[in-house]
PDB file of N, CA and C in Angstrom:
ATOM      1  N   UNK A   1       0.742  -1.360   0.295  1.00  0.00           N
ATOM      2  CA  UNK A   1       0.145   0.150  -0.272  1.00  0.00           C
ATOM      3  C   UNK A   1       0.599   0.758  -0.027  1.00  0.00           C
ATOM      4  N   UNK A   2       0.542   2.207  -0.753  1.00  0.00           N
ATOM      5  CA  UNK A   2       1.333   3.510  -0.607  1.00  0.00           C
ATOM      6  C   UNK A   2       1.065   4.432  -0.023  1.00  0.00           C
ATOM      7  N   UNK A   3       1.704   5.257   1.012  1.00  0.00           N
ATOM      8  CA  UNK A   3       1.523   6.057   1.532  1.00  0.00           C
ATOM      9  C   UNK A   3       1.500   7.183   1.153  1.00  0.00           C
ATOM     10  N   UNK A   4       0.682   8.071   1.200  1.00  0.00           N
ATOM     11  CA  UNK A   4       0.092   9.535   0.204  1.00  0.00           C
ATOM     12  C   UNK A   4       0.526  10.447   1.327  1.00  0.00           C
ATOM     13  N   UNK A   5       0.314  10.489   2.493  1.00  0.00           N
ATOM     14  CA  UNK A   5       0.517  11.823   3.337  1.00  0.00           C
ATOM     15  C   UNK A   5       2.004  12.382   3.069  1.00  0.00           C
ATOM     16  N   UNK A   6       2.738  12.426   2.572  1.00  0.00           N
ATOM     17  CA  UNK A   6       4.025  13.422   2.246  1.00  0.00           C
ATOM     18  C   UNK A   6       3.654  13.733   0.982  1.00  0.00           C
ATOM     19  N   UNK A   7       2.878  13.276   0.310  1.00  0.00           N
ATOM     20  CA  UNK A   7       3.085  13.567  -1.019  1.00  0.00           C
ATOM     21  C   UNK A   7       2.270  15.220  -1.556  1.00  0.00           C
ATOM     22  N   UNK A   8       2.750  15.960  -2.597  1.00  0.00           N
ATOM     23  CA  UNK A   8       2.243  17.093  -2.478  1.00  0.00           C
ATOM     24  C   UNK A   8       1.126  16.855  -3.721  1.00  0.00           C
ATOM     25  N   UNK A   9      -0.159  17.459  -3.658  1.00  0.00           N
ATOM     26  CA  UNK A   9      -0.864  17.790  -4.572  1.00  0.00           C
ATOM     27  C   UNK A   9      -0.412  18.429  -5.749  1.00  0.00           C
ATOM     28  N   UNK A  10      -0.712  18.609  -7.082  1.00  0.00           N
ATOM     29  CA  UNK A  10      -0.636  19.541  -7.666  1.00  0.00           C
ATOM     30  C   UNK A  10      -0.593  20.877  -7.702  1.00  0.00           C
ATOM     31  N   UNK A  11      -1.961  21.209  -6.977  1.00  0.00           N
ATOM     32  CA  UNK A  11      -2.032  22.273  -6.703  1.00  0.00           C
ATOM     33  C   UNK A  11      -1.653  22.655  -5.567  1.00  0.00           C
ATOM     34  N   UNK A  12      -1.265  22.406  -4.605  1.00  0.00           N
ATOM     35  CA  UNK A  12      -0.505  22.903  -3.057  1.00  0.00           C
ATOM     36  C   UNK A  12       0.064  24.115  -3.560  1.00  0.00           C
ATOM     37  N   UNK A  13       0.927  24.279  -4.674  1.00  0.00           N
ATOM     38  CA  UNK A  13       1.700  25.385  -4.184  1.00  0.00           C
ATOM     39  C   UNK A  13       0.732  26.965  -4.805  1.00  0.00           C
ATOM     40  N   UNK A  14      -0.164  26.631  -5.021  1.00  0.00           N
ATOM     41  CA  UNK A  14      -1.015  27.481  -4.901  1.00  0.00           C
ATOM     42  C   UNK A  14      -2.222  27.954  -3.658  1.00  0.00           C
ATOM     43  N   UNK A  15      -2.306  26.770  -3.063  1.00  0.00           N
ATOM     44  CA  UNK A  15      -2.543  26.751  -1.732  1.00  0.00           C
ATOM     45  C   UNK A  15      -1.903  27.599  -1.011  1.00  0.00           C
ATOM     46  N   UNK A  16      -0.166  27.216  -0.775  1.00  0.00           N
ATOM     47  CA  UNK A  16       0.810  27.428   0.053  1.00  0.00           C
ATOM     48  C   UNK A  16       1.060  28.632  -0.559  1.00  0.00           C
ATOM     49  N   UNK A  17       0.714  29.110  -1.072  1.00  0.00           N
ATOM     50  CA  UNK A  17       0.926  31.024  -1.576  1.00  0.00           C
ATOM     51  C   UNK A  17       0.103  31.339  -1.199  1.00  0.00           C
ATOM     52  N   UNK A  18      -1.171  31.362  -0.964  1.00  0.00           N
ATOM     53  CA  UNK A  18      -2.043  32.879  -0.481  1.00  0.00           C
ATOM     54  C   UNK A  18      -2.491  32.110   0.861  1.00  0.00           C
ATOM     55  N   UNK A  19      -1.790  31.363   1.538  1.00  0.00           N
ATOM     56  CA  UNK A  19      -2.580  30.999   2.997  1.00  0.00           C
ATOM     57  C   UNK A  19      -1.440  31.907   3.900  1.00  0.00           C
ATOM     58  N   UNK A  20      -1.676  32.303   4.577  1.00  0.00           N
ATOM     59  CA  UNK A  20      -1.076  33.331   5.675  1.00  0.00           C
ATOM     60  C   UNK A  20      -1.006  32.426   6.873  1.00  0.00           C
ATOM     61  N   UNK A  21       0.255  31.936   7.202  1.00  0.00           N
ATOM     62  CA  UNK A  21       0.043  31.199   8.180  1.00  0.00           C
ATOM     63  C   UNK A  21       0.443  31.942   9.706  1.00  0.00           C
ATOM     64  N   UNK A  22       0.732  33.039   9.540  1.00  0.00           N
ATOM     65  CA  UNK A  22       0.845  33.686  10.728  1.00  0.00           C
ATOM     66  C   UNK A  22      -0.606  34.163  11.130  1.00  0.00           C
ATOM     67  N   UNK A  23      -1.076  34.421  10.502  1.00  0.00           N
ATOM     68  CA  UNK A  23      -2.796  35.002  11.021  1.00  0.00           C
ATOM     69  C   UNK A  23      -3.757  33.965  10.608  1.00  0.00           C
ATOM     70  N   UNK A  24      -3.680  32.611  10.159  1.00  0.00           N
ATOM     71  CA  UNK A  24      -4.269  31.289   9.856  1.00  0.00           C
ATOM     72  C   UNK A  24      -5.335  31.729   9.002  1.00  0.00           C
ATOM     73  N   UNK A  25      -5.002  32.512   7.762  1.00  0.00           N
ATOM     74  CA  UNK A  25      -5.941  32.849   6.830  1.00  0.00           C
ATOM     75  C   UNK A  25      -5.692  32.384   5.503  1.00  0.00           C
ATOM     76  N   UNK A  26      -6.342  32.021   4.825  1.00  0.00           N
ATOM     77  CA  UNK A  26      -6.630  31.123   3.380  1.00  0.00           C
ATOM     78  C   UNK A  26      -7.707  31.930   2.309  1.00  0.00           C
ATOM     79  N   UNK A  27      -6.953  32.758   1.519  1.00  0.00           N
ATOM     80  CA  UNK A  27      -7.785  33.211   0.813  1.00  0.00           C
ATOM     81  C   UNK A  27      -7.859  33.055  -0.907  1.00  0.00           C
ATOM     82  N   UNK A  28      -8.575  32.088  -1.475  1.00  0.00           N
ATOM     83  CA  UNK A  28      -8.526  32.062  -2.708  1.00  0.00           C
ATOM     84  C   UNK A  28      -7.940  32.901  -3.454  1.00  0.00           C
ATOM     85  N   UNK A  29      -7.266  32.048  -4.682  1.00  0.00           N
ATOM     86  CA  UNK A  29      -7.082  34.024  -5.419  1.00  0.00           C
ATOM     87  C   UNK A  29      -8.354  34.200  -6.305  1.00  0.00           C
ATOM     88  N   UNK A  30      -8.984  33.273  -6.591  1.00  0.00           N
ATOM     89  CA  UNK A  30     -10.158  33.737  -6.905  1.00  0.00           C
ATOM     90  C   UNK A  30     -10.847  34.725  -6.418  1.00  0.00           C
ATOM     91  N   UNK A  31     -11.192  34.497  -4.993  1.00  0.00           N
ATOM     92  CA  UNK A  31     -11.823  35.451  -3.985  1.00  0.00           C
ATOM     93  C   UNK A  31     -10.943  37.157  -3.838  1.00  0.00           C
ATOM     94  N   UNK A  32      -9.634  37.039  -4.215  1.00  0.00           N
ATOM     95  CA  UNK A  32      -9.139  38.143  -3.809  1.00  0.00           C
ATOM     96  C   UNK A  32      -9.402  39.498  -5.114  1.00  0.00           C
ATOM     97  N   UNK A  33      -9.638  40.605  -4.150  1.00  0.00           N
ATOM     98  CA  UNK A  33      -9.971  41.720  -5.259  1.00  0.00           C
ATOM     99  C   UNK A  33      -8.657  42.047  -5.720  1.00  0.00           C
ATOM    100  N   UNK A  34      -7.577  42.169  -5.135  1.00  0.00           N
ATOM    101  CA  UNK A  34      -6.232  42.407  -5.708  1.00  0.00           C
ATOM    102  C   UNK A  34      -5.112  41.521  -5.957  1.00  0.00           C
ATOM    103  N   UNK A  35      -4.867  41.365  -6.735  1.00  0.00           N
ATOM    104  CA  UNK A  35      -3.767  40.293  -7.405  1.00  0.00           C
ATOM    105  C   UNK A  35      -2.114  40.948  -7.390  1.00  0.00           C
ATOM    106  N   UNK A  36      -1.127  40.405  -7.207  1.00  0.00           N
ATOM    107  CA  UNK A  36       0.052  40.799  -7.297  1.00  0.00           C
ATOM    108  C   UNK A  36       0.388  40.479  -9.002  1.00  0.00           C
ATOM    109  N   UNK A  37       1.647  40.753  -9.541  1.00  0.00           N
ATOM    110  CA  UNK A  37       2.050  40.596 -10.964  1.00  0.00           C
ATOM    111  C   UNK A  37       1.811  38.956 -11.124  1.00  0.00           C
ATOM    112  N   UNK A  38       2.484  38.240 -10.108  1.00  0.00           N
ATOM    113  CA  UNK A  38       2.541  36.639  -9.896  1.00  0.00           C
ATOM    114  C   UNK A  38       1.256  36.380  -9.886  1.00  0.00           C
ATOM    115  N   UNK A  39       0.445  36.705  -8.991  1.00  0.00           N
ATOM    116  CA  UNK A  39      -0.768  35.877  -8.723  1.00  0.00           C
ATOM    117  C   UNK A  39      -1.518  36.332 -10.265  1.00  0.00           C
ATOM    118  N   UNK A  40      -1.692  37.519 -10.853  1.00  0.00           N
ATOM    119  CA  UNK A  40      -2.729  37.461 -11.764  1.00  0.00           C
ATOM    120  C   UNK A  40      -1.848  36.818 -13.161  1.00  0.00           C
ATOM    121  N   UNK A  41      -0.366  36.642 -13.377  1.00  0.00           N
ATOM    122  CA  UNK A  41      -0.276  36.111 -13.982  1.00  0.00           C
ATOM    123  C   UNK A  41      -0.825  34.437 -13.983  1.00  0.00           C
ATOM    124  N   UNK A  42      -0.976  33.721 -12.783  1.00  0.00           N
ATOM    125  CA  UNK A  42      -1.112  32.264 -12.724  1.00  0.00           C
ATOM    126  C   UNK A  42      -2.519  32.496 -12.917  1.00  0.00           C
ATOM    127  N   UNK A  43      -3.420  33.228 -12.598  1.00  0.00           N
ATOM    128  CA  UNK A  43      -4.819  33.509 -12.732  1.00  0.00           C
ATOM    129  C   UNK A  43      -5.003  33.409 -14.040  1.00  0.00           C
ATOM    130  N   UNK A  44      -4.384  34.223 -14.784  1.00  0.00           N
ATOM    131  CA  UNK A  44      -4.751  34.467 -16.470  1.00  0.00           C
ATOM    132  C   UNK A  44      -3.927  33.880 -17.594  1.00  0.00           C
ATOM    133  N   UNK A  45      -3.216  33.158 -17.061  1.00  0.00           N
ATOM    134  CA  UNK A  45      -2.428  32.699 -18.117  1.00  0.00           C
ATOM    135  C   UNK A  45      -1.320  33.547 -19.023  1.00  0.00           C
ATOM    136  N   UNK A  46      -1.843  34.772 -18.603  1.00  0.00           N
ATOM    137  CA  UNK A  46      -0.729  36.134 -18.867  1.00  0.00           C
ATOM    138  C   UNK A  46       0.763  36.215 -18.365  1.00  0.00           C
ATOM    139  N   UNK A  47       1.571  36.202 -19.203  1.00  0.00           N
ATOM    140  CA  UNK A  47       2.923  36.542 -18.576  1.00  0.00           C
ATOM    141  C   UNK A  47       3.199  37.956 -17.653  1.00  0.00           C
ATOM    142  N   UNK A  48       3.994  37.550 -16.971  1.00  0.00           N
ATOM    143  CA  UNK A  48       4.033  39.060 -15.939  1.00  0.00           C
ATOM    144  C   UNK A  48       4.408  39.828 -16.706  1.00  0.00           C
ATOM    145  N   UNK A  49       5.652  39.683 -17.565  1.00  0.00           N
ATOM    146  CA  UNK A  49       6.246  41.195 -18.279  1.00  0.00           C
ATOM    147  C   UNK A  49       5.284  41.618 -19.293  1.00  0.00           C
ATOM    148  N   UNK A  50       4.093  40.986 -19.564  1.00  0.00           N
ATOM    149  CA  UNK A  50       3.227  41.742 -20.438  1.00  0.00           C
ATOM    150  C   UNK A  50       2.380  42.154 -19.694  1.00  0.00           C
ATOM    151  N   UNK A  51       1.727  41.473 -18.645  1.00  0.00           N
ATOM    152  CA  UNK A  51       1.019  42.249 -17.629  1.00  0.00           C
ATOM    153  C   UNK A  51       1.691  43.832 -17.214  1.00  0.00           C
ATOM    154  N   UNK A  52       2.789  43.714 -16.716  1.00  0.00           N
ATOM    155  CA  UNK A  52       3.434  44.809 -16.625  1.00  0.00           C
ATOM    156  C   UNK A  52       3.370  45.636 -18.017  1.00  0.00           C
ATOM    157  N   UNK A  53       3.811  45.340 -19.149  1.00  0.00           N
ATOM    158  CA  UNK A  53       3.361  46.062 -20.074  1.00  0.00           C
ATOM    159  C   UNK A  53       2.370  46.773 -20.270  1.00  0.00           C
ATOM    160  N   UNK A  54       1.316  45.982 -20.452  1.00  0.00           N
ATOM    161  CA  UNK A  54      -0.020  46.419 -20.747  1.00  0.00           C
ATOM    162  C   UNK A  54      -0.573  47.320 -19.623  1.00  0.00           C
ATOM    163  N   UNK A  55      -0.241  46.951 -18.199  1.00  0.00           N
ATOM    164  CA  UNK A  55      -0.772  47.925 -17.130  1.00  0.00           C
ATOM    165  C   UNK A  55       0.277  49.309 -16.624  1.00  0.00           C
ATOM    166  N   UNK A  56       1.074  49.719 -17.955  1.00  0.00           N
ATOM    167  CA  UNK A  56       1.996  50.696 -17.766  1.00  0.00           C
ATOM    168  C   UNK A  56       1.286  51.702 -18.734  1.00  0.00           C
ATOM    169  N   UNK A  57       0.607  51.212 -19.666  1.00  0.00           N
ATOM    170  CA  UNK A  57      -0.511  52.157 -20.525  1.00  0.00           C
ATOM    171  C   UNK A  57      -1.469  53.196 -19.668  1.00  0.00           C
ATOM    172  N   UNK A  58      -1.144  54.669 -20.333  1.00  0.00           N
ATOM    173  CA  UNK A  58      -2.183  55.129 -19.818  1.00  0.00           C
ATOM    174  C   UNK A  58      -3.800  54.518 -20.378  1.00  0.00           C
ATOM    175  N   UNK A  59      -4.033  54.973 -19.030  1.00  0.00           N
ATOM    176  CA  UNK A  59      -5.707  54.412 -19.117  1.00  0.00           C
ATOM    177  C   UNK A  59      -5.837  53.282 -18.691  1.00  0.00           C
ATOM    178  N   UNK A  60      -4.704  52.714 -18.393  1.00  0.00           N
ATOM    179  CA  UNK A  60      -5.231  51.012 -18.018  1.00  0.00           C
ATOM    180  C   UNK A  60      -6.310  50.737 -16.550  1.00  0.00           C
ATOM    181  N   UNK A  61      -7.417  50.368 -16.699  1.00  0.00           N
ATOM    182  CA  UNK A  61      -8.030  50.439 -15.899  1.00  0.00           C
ATOM    183  C   UNK A  61      -8.037  49.120 -14.586  1.00  0.00           C
ATOM    184  N   UNK A  62      -6.817  48.164 -15.036  1.00  0.00           N
ATOM    185  CA  UNK A  62      -7.334  47.200 -13.987  1.00  0.00           C
ATOM    186  C   UNK A  62      -5.684  47.286 -13.243  1.00  0.00           C
ATOM    187  N   UNK A  63      -4.959  48.359 -13.125  1.00  0.00           N
ATOM    188  CA  UNK A  63      -3.869  48.460 -12.245  1.00  0.00           C
ATOM    189  C   UNK A  63      -3.918  49.110 -11.606  1.00  0.00           C
ATOM    190  N   UNK A  64      -3.768  49.186  -9.708  1.00  0.00           N
ATOM    191  CA  UNK A  64      -3.849  50.125  -8.628  1.00  0.00           C
ATOM    192  C   UNK A  64      -2.735  49.364  -7.990  1.00  0.00           C
ATOM    193  N   UNK A  65      -2.225  51.036  -7.931  1.00  0.00           N
ATOM    194  CA  UNK A  65      -0.674  51.128  -7.207  1.00  0.00           C
ATOM    195  C   UNK A  65      -1.054  51.704  -5.586  1.00  0.00           C
ATOM    196  N   UNK A  66      -0.303  50.740  -4.668  1.00  0.00           N
ATOM    197  CA  UNK A  66      -0.039  51.256  -3.157  1.00  0.00           C
ATOM    198  C   UNK A  66       1.265  51.450  -2.911  1.00  0.00           C
ATOM    199  N   UNK A  67       1.412  52.722  -2.655  1.00  0.00           N
ATOM    200  CA  UNK A  67       2.550  53.203  -2.808  1.00  0.00           C
ATOM    201  C   UNK A  67       3.469  52.534  -4.327  1.00  0.00           C
ATOM    202  N   UNK A  68       4.404  52.121  -4.623  1.00  0.00           N
ATOM    203  CA  UNK A  68       5.395  51.913  -5.527  1.00  0.00           C
ATOM    204  C   UNK A  68       4.784  50.166  -5.882  1.00  0.00           C
ATOM    205  N   UNK A  69       3.840  49.749  -5.304  1.00  0.00           N
ATOM    206  CA  UNK A  69       3.613  48.319  -5.474  1.00  0.00           C
ATOM    207  C   UNK A  69       2.287  48.513  -6.603  1.00  0.00           C
ATOM    208  N   UNK A  70       2.486  47.736  -7.330  1.00  0.00           N
ATOM    209  CA  UNK A  70       1.372  47.237  -8.494  1.00  0.00           C
ATOM    210  C   UNK A  70       1.204  46.192  -8.375  1.00  0.00           C
ATOM    211  N   UNK A  71      -0.428  46.240  -7.802  1.00  0.00           N
ATOM    212  CA  UNK A  71      -1.352  45.310  -7.881  1.00  0.00           C
ATOM    213  C   UNK A  71      -2.590  45.320  -9.027  1.00  0.00           C
ATOM    214  N   UNK A  72      -2.987  44.332  -9.374  1.00  0.00           N
ATOM    215  CA  UNK A  72      -3.888  44.036 -10.804  1.00  0.00           C
ATOM    216  C   UNK A  72      -5.558  44.137 -10.209  1.00  0.00           C
ATOM    217  N   UNK A  73      -6.281  44.225 -10.321  1.00  0.00           N
ATOM    218  CA  UNK A  73      -7.929  44.369 -10.038  1.00  0.00           C
ATOM    219  C   UNK A  73      -8.453  43.326 -10.757  1.00  0.00           C
ATOM    220  N   UNK A  74      -8.684  42.046  -9.926  1.00  0.00           N
ATOM    221  CA  UNK A  74      -9.045  40.783 -10.567  1.00  0.00           C
ATOM    222  C   UNK A  74     -10.086  40.761 -11.316  1.00  0.00           C
ATOM    223  N   UNK A  75     -11.463  41.544 -11.149  1.00  0.00           N
ATOM    224  CA  UNK A  75     -12.693  41.485 -11.740  1.00  0.00           C
ATOM    225  C   UNK A  75     -12.642  42.350 -13.060  1.00  0.00           C
ATOM    226  N   UNK A  76     -11.566  43.811 -12.819  1.00  0.00           N
ATOM    227  CA  UNK A  76     -11.472  44.862 -13.988  1.00  0.00           C
ATOM    228  C   UNK A  76     -10.465  43.561 -15.034  1.00  0.00           C
ATOM    229  N   UNK A  77      -9.638  42.917 -14.659  1.00  0.00           N
ATOM    230  CA  UNK A  77      -8.843  42.267 -15.401  1.00  0.00           C
ATOM    231  C   UNK A  77      -9.541  41.102 -16.495  1.00  0.00           C
ATOM    232  N   UNK A  78     -10.480  40.620 -15.735  1.00  0.00           N
ATOM    233  CA  UNK A  78     -11.447  39.239 -16.281  1.00  0.00           C
ATOM    234  C   UNK A  78     -12.443  40.431 -17.445  1.00  0.00           C
ATOM    235  N   UNK A  79     -12.460  41.827 -16.972  1.00  0.00           N
ATOM    236  CA  UNK A  79     -13.497  42.093 -18.279  1.00  0.00           C
ATOM    237  C   UNK A  79     -12.516  42.654 -19.476  1.00  0.00           C
ATOM    238  N   UNK A  80     -11.017  43.198 -19.195  1.00  0.00           N
ATOM    239  CA  UNK A  80     -10.354  43.243 -19.946  1.00  0.00           C
ATOM    240  C   UNK A  80     -10.341  42.104 -20.755  1.00  0.00           C
ATOM    241  N   UNK A  81     -10.152  40.559 -20.388  1.00  0.00           N
ATOM    242  CA  UNK A  81      -9.586  40.062 -20.984  1.00  0.00           C
ATOM    243  C   UNK A  81     -11.019  39.334 -21.985  1.00  0.00           C
ATOM    244  N   UNK A  82     -11.972  39.316 -21.476  1.00  0.00           N
ATOM    245  CA  UNK A  82     -13.326  39.150 -22.060  1.00  0.00           C
ATOM    246  C   UNK A  82     -13.528  40.155 -23.159  1.00  0.00           C
ATOM    247  N   UNK A  83     -13.274  41.436 -23.245  1.00  0.00           N
ATOM    248  CA  UNK A  83     -13.140  42.474 -24.626  1.00  0.00           C
ATOM    249  C   UNK A  83     -12.340  42.136 -25.269  1.00  0.00           C
ATOM    250  N   UNK A  84     -11.261  41.699 -24.885  1.00  0.00           N
ATOM    251  CA  UNK A  84      -9.994  41.861 -25.663  1.00  0.00           C
ATOM    252  C   UNK A  84      -9.947  41.308 -26.962  1.00  0.00           C
ATOM    253  N   UNK A  85      -9.219  41.072 -27.943  1.00  0.00           N
ATOM    254  CA  UNK A  85      -9.323  40.070 -29.156  1.00  0.00           C
ATOM    255  C   UNK A  85      -7.520  39.738 -29.246  1.00  0.00           C
ATOM    256  N   UNK A  86      -6.911  40.599 -28.862  1.00  0.00           N
ATOM    257  CA  UNK A  86      -5.486  40.295 -28.597  1.00  0.00           C
ATOM    258  C   UNK A  86      -4.822  41.163 -27.676  1.00  0.00           C
ATOM    259  N   UNK A  87      -3.446  40.756 -26.889  1.00  0.00           N
ATOM    260  CA  UNK A  87      -2.630  41.895 -26.554  1.00  0.00           C
ATOM    261  C   UNK A  87      -1.264  41.452 -26.756  1.00  0.00           C
TER     262      UNK A  87
END
């Protein structure tokens, strides 16, 4: 019999990245309002560099800055993707 207790599931990295051990809080990426570039890339399948380029454009409606930190508004990114033909 195989012991699977130490085996990682393919999606465990997504879970670990969004689990706040210090505060014991888990927020699934699809429930977060704001995503980091890395999260937005995993969520959308669009590369980090392309997301950075598009979010640098004047009038980009899915970028949100907190100081110098660039975050992506998830719902607005979804809308942008649904309307876009290509990027």
